[in-house]
Amino acid sequence: MANPPPLRITINSAWKGRTIESILRHELRLSRKQIIALKKSNGVFIDGKSVLVKERLAGEGEELLIRIPLTTQDFAPENIPLTILYEDPDLIIIDKPAGLLVHPVRFHLTGTLANALTYHWQQTGEKASFHPVHRLDRLTSGLLLIAKSSWSHQQLSLQLREHEIRRTYLALTDGIPPRDSGVLSGPIKRAGVGMRRIVAADGQEALTHYRVLRRSTKAALLLLSLITGRTHQIRVHLSHLGTALIGDPLYGRPTDLLSRPALHATALRFRHPRSRQLLKFRSSLPPDLKALGKMLNLL
């Protein structure tokens, strides 16, 4: 199976006289790197005839066809069980379990989501490539959006950068926020060497909206939405507020209640890069967080 399907656009009268490269860059919002790749692969056609991107469009009604080059990757395929909520030729939605690393890193080259999806696409005969659109820490469970080509990744990344992708999380916190809702706005930067981050005036802008859903004497169930997407953003912001995630070994207090941060990506909303249809997905709390929530009288 070829992937992704070519882009097919009907040329309108307003484009007459413009170069194809101008249309690719400004109307279809392709990156400079993608346009160069199309030049090298002769991947642009008008009514079935290969054309150069410097050519000008002569009239309306013709079909502009773009064959997106496939990205070459070398992840080792591994048969790792996955929960796939949705898949089409452009993207896939995974309900990721806690403990699964998204992509290989220096000392963890196998056993990742990249390896699992490489195996999955090998079995289905699909020529897809692995492009995570947003972050999800290894110990965080829930919804993850993966683009299957450089084109769909670039289009979805534009939505992410322009705050058009909505990511919502459920969290169980050690302590109760001082207000029922609010926006956490502390800038975030790396704290020296290592993965730990801190809130600091010279950090990158970071915005997290939160709302308290339930509270008990010493804990709370929160619904959080990311406005920006910094590394460990929710974990850092909640710790800075004095209500760290239960079970967070990096930003919270030691506990026997949970062996990972009590954070779950529960909802995801975005527009499909090809059809522009609004897509919405939900994921319920996994068993470990559900059990903890019930024990704390938060569910």
Protein backbone atom coordinates (compact mmCIF):
# COMPACT_ATOMS: atom_id res chain seq x y z
CA MET A 1 0.00 0.00 0.00
CA ALA A 2 1.35 3.43 -0.96
CA ASN A 3 1.41 6.10 1.71
CA PRO A 4 0.50 8.85 1.83
CA PRO A 5 -2.01 9.23 -1.01
CA PRO A 6 -1.13 12.14 -3.29
CA LEU A 7 -2.63 15.55 -2.65
CA ARG A 8 -5.17 16.54 -5.30
CA ILE A 9 -6.16 20.20 -5.61
CA THR A 10 -8.38 21.82 -8.23
CA ILE A 11 -6.78 25.04 -9.48
CA ASN A 12 -9.03 28.08 -9.01
CA SER A 13 -9.12 31.32 -10.97
CA ALA A 14 -7.40 33.33 -8.22
CA TRP A 15 -4.22 31.27 -8.71
CA LYS A 16 -3.86 32.07 -12.42
CA GLY A 17 -0.41 33.47 -13.24
CA ARG A 18 1.18 32.41 -9.94
CA THR A 19 4.04 29.92 -9.82
CA ILE A 20 3.37 26.43 -8.54
CA GLU A 21 6.03 27.03 -5.87
CA SER A 22 4.06 30.03 -4.61
CA ILE A 23 0.94 27.86 -4.28
CA LEU A 24 2.87 25.12 -2.49
CA ARG A 25 4.42 27.57 -0.05
CA HIS A 26 1.59 30.01 0.68
CA GLU A 27 -1.66 28.14 -0.02
CA LEU A 28 -0.72 24.57 0.91
CA ARG A 29 1.84 25.74 3.52
CA LEU A 30 4.54 23.26 2.56
CA SER A 31 7.95 23.85 4.09
CA ARG A 32 11.01 24.85 2.06
CA LYS A 33 12.51 21.41 2.75
CA GLN A 34 9.39 19.66 1.42
CA ILE A 35 9.37 21.79 -1.74
CA ILE A 36 13.03 20.93 -2.38
CA ALA A 37 12.18 17.22 -1.94
CA LEU A 38 9.35 17.56 -4.46
CA LYS A 39 11.73 19.17 -6.96
CA LYS A 40 14.20 16.30 -6.58
CA SER A 41 11.54 13.61 -6.91
CA ASN A 42 9.61 15.27 -9.76
CA GLY A 43 6.55 14.94 -7.56
CA VAL A 44 4.33 17.71 -8.99
CA PHE A 45 1.83 17.13 -11.81
CA ILE A 46 -0.88 19.11 -13.60
CA ASP A 47 -3.58 16.95 -15.20
CA GLY A 48 -1.19 13.99 -15.08
CA LYS A 49 1.78 15.78 -16.67
CA SER A 50 4.98 16.27 -14.66
CA VAL A 51 5.77 19.98 -14.23
CA LEU A 52 8.44 22.16 -12.64
CA VAL A 53 7.52 24.20 -9.57
CA LYS A 54 8.79 27.38 -11.25
CA GLU A 55 6.07 27.10 -13.92
CA ARG A 56 3.09 29.45 -13.75
CA LEU A 57 -0.50 28.29 -13.62
CA ALA A 58 -2.36 29.00 -16.85
CA GLY A 59 -6.01 28.42 -16.00
CA GLU A 60 -8.60 27.16 -13.57
CA GLY A 61 -10.19 23.72 -13.30
CA GLU A 62 -7.00 21.74 -13.85
CA GLU A 63 -5.87 19.24 -11.21
CA LEU A 64 -2.66 19.90 -9.29
CA LEU A 65 -1.34 16.58 -7.95
CA ILE A 66 1.47 16.34 -5.42
CA ARG A 67 3.22 13.08 -4.55
CA ILE A 68 4.70 13.43 -1.06
CA PRO A 69 8.08 11.64 -0.80
CA LEU A 70 8.23 8.98 1.91
CA THR A 71 10.69 9.46 4.78
CA THR A 72 13.19 6.63 5.22
CA GLN A 73 13.52 5.34 8.79
CA ASP A 74 15.29 2.35 10.33
CA PHE A 75 13.44 1.47 13.54
CA ALA A 76 13.64 -2.25 14.31
CA PRO A 77 10.14 -3.81 14.11
CA GLU A 78 8.90 -5.33 17.39
CA ASN A 79 5.63 -7.10 18.11
CA ILE A 80 4.40 -4.97 21.02
CA PRO A 81 0.63 -4.90 21.73
CA LEU A 82 -0.99 -1.54 20.97
CA THR A 83 -4.39 0.04 21.49
CA ILE A 84 -5.16 1.82 18.21
CA LEU A 85 -8.20 4.10 18.43
CA TYR A 86 -8.09 5.41 14.87
CA GLU A 87 -5.93 5.08 11.76
CA ASP A 88 -6.03 6.35 8.19
CA PRO A 89 -3.30 6.89 5.55
CA ASP A 90 -2.22 10.20 7.15
CA LEU A 91 -2.27 9.61 10.91
CA ILE A 92 -2.83 7.19 13.77
CA ILE A 93 -4.16 7.70 17.31
CA ILE A 94 -2.64 5.51 20.03
CA ASP A 95 -3.93 5.02 23.58
CA LYS A 96 -0.46 4.66 25.08
CA PRO A 97 0.08 2.65 28.27
CA ALA A 98 2.27 4.06 31.03
CA GLY A 99 5.83 2.76 30.74
CA LEU A 100 6.04 2.72 26.94
CA LEU A 101 8.69 5.08 25.58
CA VAL A 102 7.58 6.92 22.44
CA HIS A 103 10.83 6.70 20.44
CA PRO A 104 14.31 5.22 20.92
CA VAL A 105 16.88 7.17 22.91
CA ARG A 106 20.57 6.61 23.54
CA PHE A 107 20.28 3.85 26.14
CA HIS A 108 16.84 2.58 25.16
CA LEU A 109 16.92 1.59 21.49
CA THR A 110 14.14 -1.02 21.51
CA GLY A 111 10.78 -1.65 23.11
CA THR A 112 9.36 1.74 22.06
CA LEU A 113 6.22 2.90 20.28
CA ALA A 114 8.32 3.56 17.17
CA ASN A 115 9.37 -0.10 17.12
CA ALA A 116 5.80 -1.26 17.71
CA LEU A 117 4.32 0.83 14.89
CA THR A 118 7.10 -0.18 12.51
CA TYR A 119 6.02 -3.79 13.12
CA HIS A 120 2.33 -2.90 12.77
CA TRP A 121 2.86 -1.22 9.40
CA GLN A 122 5.08 -4.07 8.26
CA GLN A 123 2.21 -6.47 8.97
CA THR A 124 -0.37 -4.33 7.17
CA GLY A 125 1.94 -3.70 4.21
CA GLU A 126 1.76 0.05 4.64
CA LYS A 127 4.69 2.32 3.78
CA ALA A 128 4.32 4.76 6.65
CA SER A 129 6.88 6.69 8.68
CA PHE A 130 6.82 7.58 12.38
CA HIS A 131 6.33 11.25 13.31
CA PRO A 132 4.96 12.05 16.81
CA VAL A 133 3.11 15.38 16.71
CA HIS A 134 3.32 16.12 20.45
CA ARG A 135 5.05 14.83 23.58
CA LEU A 136 3.93 12.17 26.02
CA ASP A 137 6.35 11.14 28.77
CA ARG A 138 7.20 7.45 29.17
CA LEU A 139 5.27 7.18 32.45
CA THR A 140 2.24 9.15 31.21
CA SER A 141 -0.65 7.18 29.74
CA GLY A 142 -3.24 8.22 27.19
CA LEU A 143 -3.82 9.69 23.75
CA LEU A 144 -0.95 10.30 21.35
CA LEU A 145 -1.20 11.63 17.79
CA ILE A 146 1.29 10.19 15.29
CA ALA A 147 1.64 11.50 11.74
CA LYS A 148 2.49 8.90 9.09
CA SER A 149 4.38 11.16 6.66
CA SER A 150 6.52 14.28 6.75
CA TRP A 151 3.68 16.18 5.08
CA SER A 152 0.98 15.26 7.62
CA HIS A 153 3.47 15.89 10.44
CA GLN A 154 4.24 19.37 9.11
CA GLN A 155 0.55 20.22 8.71
CA LEU A 156 -0.35 18.97 12.20
CA SER A 157 2.69 20.70 13.71
CA LEU A 158 1.37 23.98 12.29
CA GLN A 159 -1.89 23.37 14.14
CA LEU A 160 0.03 22.64 17.33
CA ARG A 161 2.12 25.80 17.00
CA GLU A 162 -0.99 27.88 16.35
CA HIS A 163 -2.79 26.36 19.38
CA GLU A 164 -5.40 24.62 17.21
CA ILE A 165 -4.79 21.18 18.75
CA ARG A 166 -6.46 20.79 22.13
CA ARG A 167 -4.90 18.30 24.57
CA THR A 168 -6.68 17.58 27.85
CA TYR A 169 -5.36 15.62 30.83
CA LEU A 170 -6.69 14.13 34.05
CA ALA A 171 -4.42 14.31 37.10
CA LEU A 172 -4.48 13.20 40.73
CA THR A 173 -2.57 15.67 42.88
CA ASP A 174 -0.89 15.53 46.27
CA GLY A 175 -2.64 18.54 47.76
CA ILE A 176 -5.42 20.85 46.59
CA PRO A 177 -4.94 23.96 44.40
CA PRO A 178 -5.86 27.24 46.13
CA ARG A 179 -8.47 28.08 43.46
CA ASP A 180 -11.10 25.98 41.67
CA SER A 181 -9.64 26.93 38.28
CA GLY A 182 -6.95 29.07 36.75
CA VAL A 183 -4.06 29.39 34.33
CA LEU A 184 -0.56 28.41 35.44
CA SER A 185 1.85 30.68 33.59
CA GLY A 186 5.32 30.15 35.04
CA PRO A 187 8.09 30.13 32.38
CA ILE A 188 9.98 26.81 32.28
CA LYS A 189 13.66 26.05 31.76
CA ARG A 190 16.05 23.14 32.26
CA ALA A 191 17.48 22.85 35.79
CA GLY A 192 21.14 22.24 35.00
CA VAL A 193 22.13 18.82 33.64
CA GLY A 194 19.45 16.15 33.34
CA MET A 195 15.74 16.01 32.62
CA ARG A 196 14.49 18.10 35.54
CA ARG A 197 12.82 21.44 34.71
CA ILE A 198 11.98 24.42 36.90
CA VAL A 199 9.88 27.57 36.78
CA ALA A 200 12.20 30.54 36.21
CA ALA A 201 11.81 34.10 34.92
CA ASP A 202 14.26 33.44 32.06
CA GLY A 203 12.51 30.24 30.95
CA GLN A 204 10.28 29.59 27.93
CA GLU A 205 6.66 30.69 28.01
CA ALA A 206 4.42 27.94 29.38
CA LEU A 207 0.65 28.07 29.91
CA THR A 208 -1.53 25.40 31.52
CA HIS A 209 -5.25 25.76 32.27
CA TYR A 210 -6.59 23.70 35.17
CA ARG A 211 -9.96 23.02 36.79
CA VAL A 212 -10.61 21.10 40.02
CA LEU A 213 -13.18 18.35 39.37
CA ARG A 214 -13.19 16.71 42.80
CA ARG A 215 -11.37 17.19 46.08
CA SER A 216 -10.84 15.22 49.26
CA THR A 217 -9.00 16.23 52.43
CA LYS A 218 -5.49 16.04 50.95
CA ALA A 219 -5.84 15.31 47.23
CA ALA A 220 -7.68 16.49 44.13
CA LEU A 221 -8.77 15.33 40.69
CA LEU A 222 -7.87 17.96 38.07
CA LEU A 223 -8.73 18.50 34.43
CA LEU A 224 -5.87 20.28 32.64
CA SER A 225 -5.45 21.69 29.15
CA LEU A 226 -2.09 22.50 27.59
CA ILE A 227 -1.90 25.85 25.84
CA THR A 228 1.83 25.41 25.21
CA GLY A 229 3.76 22.14 25.27
CA ARG A 230 7.03 22.34 27.18
CA THR A 231 8.83 19.25 28.47
CA HIS A 232 7.24 18.11 31.77
CA GLN A 233 5.01 21.20 31.66
CA ILE A 234 2.09 19.90 33.73
CA ARG A 235 4.41 18.19 36.20
CA VAL A 236 6.51 21.33 36.69
CA HIS A 237 3.54 23.69 36.97
CA LEU A 238 1.70 21.54 39.52
CA SER A 239 4.85 21.07 41.59
CA HIS A 240 5.47 24.82 41.54
CA LEU A 241 1.87 25.34 42.72
CA GLY A 242 2.55 23.04 45.67
CA THR A 243 0.26 20.28 44.39
CA ALA A 244 2.57 17.84 42.61
CA LEU A 245 1.24 14.78 40.85
CA ILE A 246 0.85 11.78 43.14
CA GLY A 247 3.62 9.30 42.34
CA ASP A 248 5.87 11.78 40.53
CA PRO A 249 9.44 10.69 41.39
CA LEU A 250 11.02 13.83 39.93
CA TYR A 251 8.77 16.64 41.14
CA GLY A 252 6.73 15.17 44.01
CA ARG A 253 7.05 13.40 47.35
CA PRO A 254 7.92 9.69 47.72
CA THR A 255 4.81 7.52 48.02
CA ASP A 256 3.76 3.89 47.97
CA LEU A 257 0.39 4.75 46.43
CA LEU A 258 1.55 4.72 42.80
CA SER A 259 4.69 3.80 40.89
CA ARG A 260 4.33 6.55 38.26
CA PRO A 261 2.98 10.12 37.97
CA ALA A 262 -0.83 10.18 38.19
CA LEU A 263 -1.32 11.81 34.78
CA HIS A 264 -3.44 10.62 31.85
CA ALA A 265 -4.00 12.23 28.43
CA THR A 266 -7.78 11.89 28.29
CA ALA A 267 -8.94 13.97 25.30
CA LEU A 268 -7.56 15.18 21.98
CA ARG A 269 -9.11 17.48 19.39
CA PHE A 270 -7.67 18.65 16.05
CA ARG A 271 -8.48 19.07 12.37
CA HIS A 272 -7.55 16.37 9.90
CA PRO A 273 -4.62 17.65 7.79
CA ARG A 274 -6.21 16.54 4.51
CA SER A 275 -9.98 16.93 4.92
CA ARG A 276 -9.90 19.65 7.63
CA GLN A 277 -12.64 17.69 9.43
CA LEU A 278 -12.69 18.24 13.21
CA LEU A 279 -11.69 15.01 14.98
CA LYS A 280 -12.25 14.29 18.68
CA PHE A 281 -10.96 11.37 20.74
CA ARG A 282 -11.34 10.33 24.38
CA SER A 283 -9.60 7.84 26.65
CA SER A 284 -10.85 6.79 30.10
CA LEU A 285 -8.56 6.48 33.11
CA PRO A 286 -6.49 3.27 33.15
CA PRO A 287 -7.00 0.75 36.01
CA ASP A 288 -4.14 2.02 38.21
CA LEU A 289 -5.37 5.64 38.24
CA LYS A 290 -9.00 4.58 38.54
CA ALA A 291 -8.19 2.46 41.61
CA LEU A 292 -6.21 5.30 43.20
CA GLY A 293 -8.98 7.80 42.51
CA LYS A 294 -11.55 5.56 44.18
CA MET A 295 -9.29 4.97 47.18
CA LEU A 296 -8.93 8.74 47.62
CA ASN A 297 -12.71 9.28 47.22
CA LEU A 298 -12.13 11.30 44.04
CA LEU A 299 -14.08 9.03 41.67
